[in-house]
C-alpha atoms as a PDB file:
ATOM      1  CA  MET A   1      67.687 132.195 170.187  1.00  0.00           C
ATOM      2  CA  PRO A   2      69.408 134.069 167.320  1.00  0.00           C
ATOM      3  CA  GLN A   3      66.211 136.018 166.727  1.00  0.00           C
ATOM      4  CA  LEU A   4      66.586 137.600 170.163  1.00  0.00           C
ATOM      5  CA  ILE A   5      69.945 139.095 169.205  1.00  0.00           C
ATOM      6  CA  PHE A   6      69.455 139.850 165.526  1.00  0.00           C
ATOM      7  CA  LYS A   7      66.165 140.634 163.785  1.00  0.00           C
ATOM      8  CA  SER A   8      65.819 137.746 161.383  1.00  0.00           C
ATOM      9  CA  SER A   9      62.281 138.140 160.143  1.00  0.00           C
ATOM     10  CA  ILE A  10      61.483 139.830 156.869  1.00  0.00           C
ATOM     11  CA  ASP A  11      58.179 141.616 156.361  1.00  0.00           C
ATOM     12  CA  VAL A  12      56.161 140.726 153.287  1.00  0.00           C
ATOM     13  CA  GLU A  13      56.160 144.353 152.140  1.00  0.00           C
ATOM     14  CA  GLN A  14      59.957 144.537 152.310  1.00  0.00           C
ATOM     15  CA  PHE A  15      60.713 141.006 151.149  1.00  0.00           C
ATOM     16  CA  ALA A  16      62.271 141.902 147.792  1.00  0.00           C
ATOM     17  CA  VAL A  17      64.274 144.887 149.083  1.00  0.00           C
ATOM     18  CA  ALA A  18      65.831 143.066 152.037  1.00  0.00           C
ATOM     19  CA  PRO A  19      69.581 142.547 151.659  1.00  0.00           C
ATOM     20  CA  LEU A  20      70.725 139.215 150.276  1.00  0.00           C
ATOM     21  CA  GLY A  21      72.690 138.575 153.464  1.00  0.00           C
ATOM     22  CA  MET A  22      69.461 138.769 155.455  1.00  0.00           C
ATOM     23  CA  HIS A  23      67.845 136.184 153.197  1.00  0.00           C
ATOM     24  CA  ALA A  24      70.873 133.903 153.577  1.00  0.00           C
ATOM     25  CA  TYR A  25      70.750 134.291 157.365  1.00  0.00           C
ATOM     26  CA  VAL A  26      67.033 133.488 157.474  1.00  0.00           C
ATOM     27  CA  GLN A  27      67.595 130.405 155.317  1.00  0.00           C
ATOM     28  CA  ALA A  28      70.507 129.241 157.478  1.00  0.00           C
ATOM     29  CA  THR A  29      68.548 129.584 160.715  1.00  0.00           C
ATOM     30  CA  ALA A  30      65.554 127.828 159.136  1.00  0.00           C
ATOM     31  CA  ILE A  31      67.730 124.903 158.047  1.00  0.00           C
ATOM     32  CA  LEU A  32      69.280 124.720 161.526  1.00  0.00           C
ATOM     33  CA  HIS A  33      65.795 124.718 163.062  1.00  0.00           C
ATOM     34  CA  VAL A  34      64.653 121.911 160.756  1.00  0.00           C
ATOM     35  CA  TRP A  35      67.745 119.872 161.558  1.00  0.00           C
ATOM     36  CA  CYS A  36      67.126 120.184 165.313  1.00  0.00           C
ATOM     37  CA  VAL A  37      63.443 119.237 164.997  1.00  0.00           C
ATOM     38  CA  ILE A  38      64.244 116.232 162.797  1.00  0.00           C
ATOM     39  CA  LEU A  39      66.789 115.033 165.354  1.00  0.00           C
ATOM     40  CA  ILE A  40      64.110 115.299 168.045  1.00  0.00           C
ATOM     41  CA  PHE A  41      61.672 113.329 165.877  1.00  0.00           C
ATOM     42  CA  ARG A  42      64.300 110.633 165.251  1.00  0.00           C
ATOM     43  CA  GLY A  43      65.042 110.376 168.949  1.00  0.00           C
ATOM     44  CA  LEU A  44      61.356 110.007 169.740  1.00  0.00           C
ATOM     45  CA  TYR A  45      61.023 107.342 167.064  1.00  0.00           C
ATOM     46  CA  ARG A  46      63.938 105.369 168.520  1.00  0.00           C
ATOM     47  CA  ILE A  47      62.479 105.666 172.014  1.00  0.00           C
ATOM     48  CA  GLY A  48      59.178 104.459 170.642  1.00  0.00           C
ATOM     49  CA  LYS A  49      60.789 101.469 168.949  1.00  0.00           C
ATOM     50  CA  ALA A  50      62.885 100.573 172.019  1.00  0.00           C
ATOM     51  CA  THR A  51      59.978 100.542 174.446  1.00  0.00           C
ATOM     52  CA  THR A  52      56.736  98.673 174.329  1.00  0.00           C
ATOM     53  CA  ILE A  53      54.405 101.321 173.024  1.00  0.00           C
ATOM     54  CA  PRO A  54      51.419 100.945 170.751  1.00  0.00           C
ATOM     55  CA  PRO A  55      52.515 100.697 167.126  1.00  0.00           C
ATOM     56  CA  GLY A  56      50.204 103.583 166.284  1.00  0.00           C
ATOM     57  CA  LEU A  57      52.343 106.016 168.275  1.00  0.00           C
ATOM     58  CA  ALA A  58      55.548 105.046 166.466  1.00  0.00           C
ATOM     59  CA  ALA A  59      53.690 105.365 163.170  1.00  0.00           C
ATOM     60  CA  ALA A  60      52.396 108.801 164.229  1.00  0.00           C
ATOM     61  CA  VAL A  61      55.940 109.971 164.946  1.00  0.00           C
ATOM     62  CA  ASP A  62      57.153 108.607 161.610  1.00  0.00           C
ATOM     63  CA  SER A  63      54.337 110.181 159.602  1.00  0.00           C
ATOM     64  CA  SER A  64      54.737 113.520 161.433  1.00  0.00           C
ATOM     65  CA  THR A  65      58.442 113.495 160.608  1.00  0.00           C
ATOM     66  CA  LYS A  66      57.811 112.838 156.929  1.00  0.00           C
ATOM     67  CA  LEU A  67      55.096 115.500 156.734  1.00  0.00           C
ATOM     68  CA  TYR A  68      57.297 118.043 158.528  1.00  0.00           C
ATOM     69  CA  MET A  69      60.221 117.359 156.192  1.00  0.00           C
ATOM     70  CA  ALA A  70      58.001 117.601 153.105  1.00  0.00           C
ATOM     71  CA  LEU A  71      56.415 120.904 154.165  1.00  0.00           C
ATOM     72  CA  PHE A  72      59.735 122.449 155.080  1.00  0.00           C
ATOM     73  CA  ALA A  73      61.340 121.219 151.855  1.00  0.00           C
ATOM     74  CA  ILE A  74      58.556 122.911 149.880  1.00  0.00           C
ATOM     75  CA  GLN A  75      59.052 126.117 151.832  1.00  0.00           C
ATOM     76  CA  LEU A  76      62.833 126.089 151.376  1.00  0.00           C
ATOM     77  CA  LEU A  77      62.480 125.227 147.696  1.00  0.00           C
ATOM     78  CA  PHE A  78      60.151 128.131 146.924  1.00  0.00           C
ATOM     79  CA  TYR A  79      61.908 130.683 149.152  1.00  0.00           C
ATOM     80  CA  PRO A  80      64.305 131.990 146.449  1.00  0.00           C
ATOM     81  CA  PHE A  81      61.445 132.306 143.962  1.00  0.00           C
ATOM     82  CA  MET A  82      59.455 134.491 146.357  1.00  0.00           C
ATOM     83  CA  LEU A  83      61.816 137.380 145.594  1.00  0.00           C
ATOM     84  CA  ASN A  84      60.235 137.804 142.149  1.00  0.00           C
ATOM     85  CA  MET A  85      56.632 136.938 142.948  1.00  0.00           C
ATOM     86  CA  GLU A  86      53.730 139.208 143.737  1.00  0.00           C
ATOM     87  CA  ASP A  87      52.780 139.787 147.365  1.00  0.00           C
ATOM     88  CA  SER A  88      49.601 137.716 147.096  1.00  0.00           C
ATOM     89  CA  VAL A  89      51.561 134.651 145.977  1.00  0.00           C
ATOM     90  CA  VAL A  90      54.083 135.189 148.760  1.00  0.00           C
ATOM     91  CA  LEU A  91      51.257 135.203 151.307  1.00  0.00           C
ATOM     92  CA  VAL A  92      49.913 131.929 149.929  1.00  0.00           C
ATOM     93  CA  LEU A  93      53.348 130.331 150.144  1.00  0.00           C
ATOM     94  CA  GLN A  94      53.782 131.567 153.698  1.00  0.00           C
ATOM     95  CA  LEU A  95      50.728 129.581 154.728  1.00  0.00           C
ATOM     96  CA  SER A  96      53.062 126.597 154.796  1.00  0.00           C
ATOM     97  CA  SER A  97      54.553 128.199 157.911  1.00  0.00           C
ATOM     98  CA  LEU A  98      51.230 127.738 159.672  1.00  0.00           C
ATOM     99  CA  PHE A  99      51.179 124.064 158.730  1.00  0.00           C
ATOM    100  CA  ILE A 100      54.741 123.687 160.000  1.00  0.00           C
ATOM    101  CA  LEU A 101      53.692 125.297 163.286  1.00  0.00           C
ATOM    102  CA  PHE A 102      50.837 122.798 163.510  1.00  0.00           C
ATOM    103  CA  ILE A 103      53.254 119.882 163.006  1.00  0.00           C
ATOM    104  CA  GLU A 104      55.525 121.290 165.727  1.00  0.00           C
ATOM    105  CA  LEU A 105      52.514 121.399 168.063  1.00  0.00           C
ATOM    106  CA  LEU A 106      51.910 117.759 167.187  1.00  0.00           C
ATOM    107  CA  LEU A 107      55.502 117.120 168.257  1.00  0.00           C
ATOM    108  CA  ILE A 108      54.667 118.465 171.706  1.00  0.00           C
ATOM    109  CA  ARG A 109      51.596 116.231 171.781  1.00  0.00           C
ATOM    110  CA  VAL A 110      53.739 113.185 170.925  1.00  0.00           C
ATOM    111  CA  LEU A 111      56.092 114.113 173.764  1.00  0.00           C
ATOM    112  CA  PHE A 112      53.205 114.068 176.232  1.00  0.00           C
ATOM    113  CA  ARG A 113      51.902 110.776 174.847  1.00  0.00           C
ATOM    114  CA  LEU A 114      55.341 109.198 175.210  1.00  0.00           C
ATOM    115  CA  SER A 115      55.719 110.527 178.745  1.00  0.00           C
ATOM    116  CA  LEU A 116      52.569 108.690 179.788  1.00  0.00           C
ATOM    117  CA  ILE A 117      53.879 105.388 178.449  1.00  0.00           C
ATOM    118  CA  VAL A 118      57.577 105.462 179.285  1.00  0.00           C
END
């Protein structure tokens, strides 16, 4: 939602010259996004534990949560270092965003699997 009001993406070509406030804003919105997704994962895990679902589904939610947190932690950890890296290294580090998108698509899949059971 904040991206609709305020441009919060930084192009790779202009990554180092973007104002520090922009970087702080991008980091803050990314952390808020992660927090919301983790809360959704936790809620799904509790729903899975409370109902009689196959143990594989609860394990899938748990492993997806851990993988999502690990990938996002790596991305947030290396974000400040990307200011001084070459563009090719920045592109490699931004591939983690594609993996995070894949995990978020798995979240939607888990929602559909839970809806069939509950």
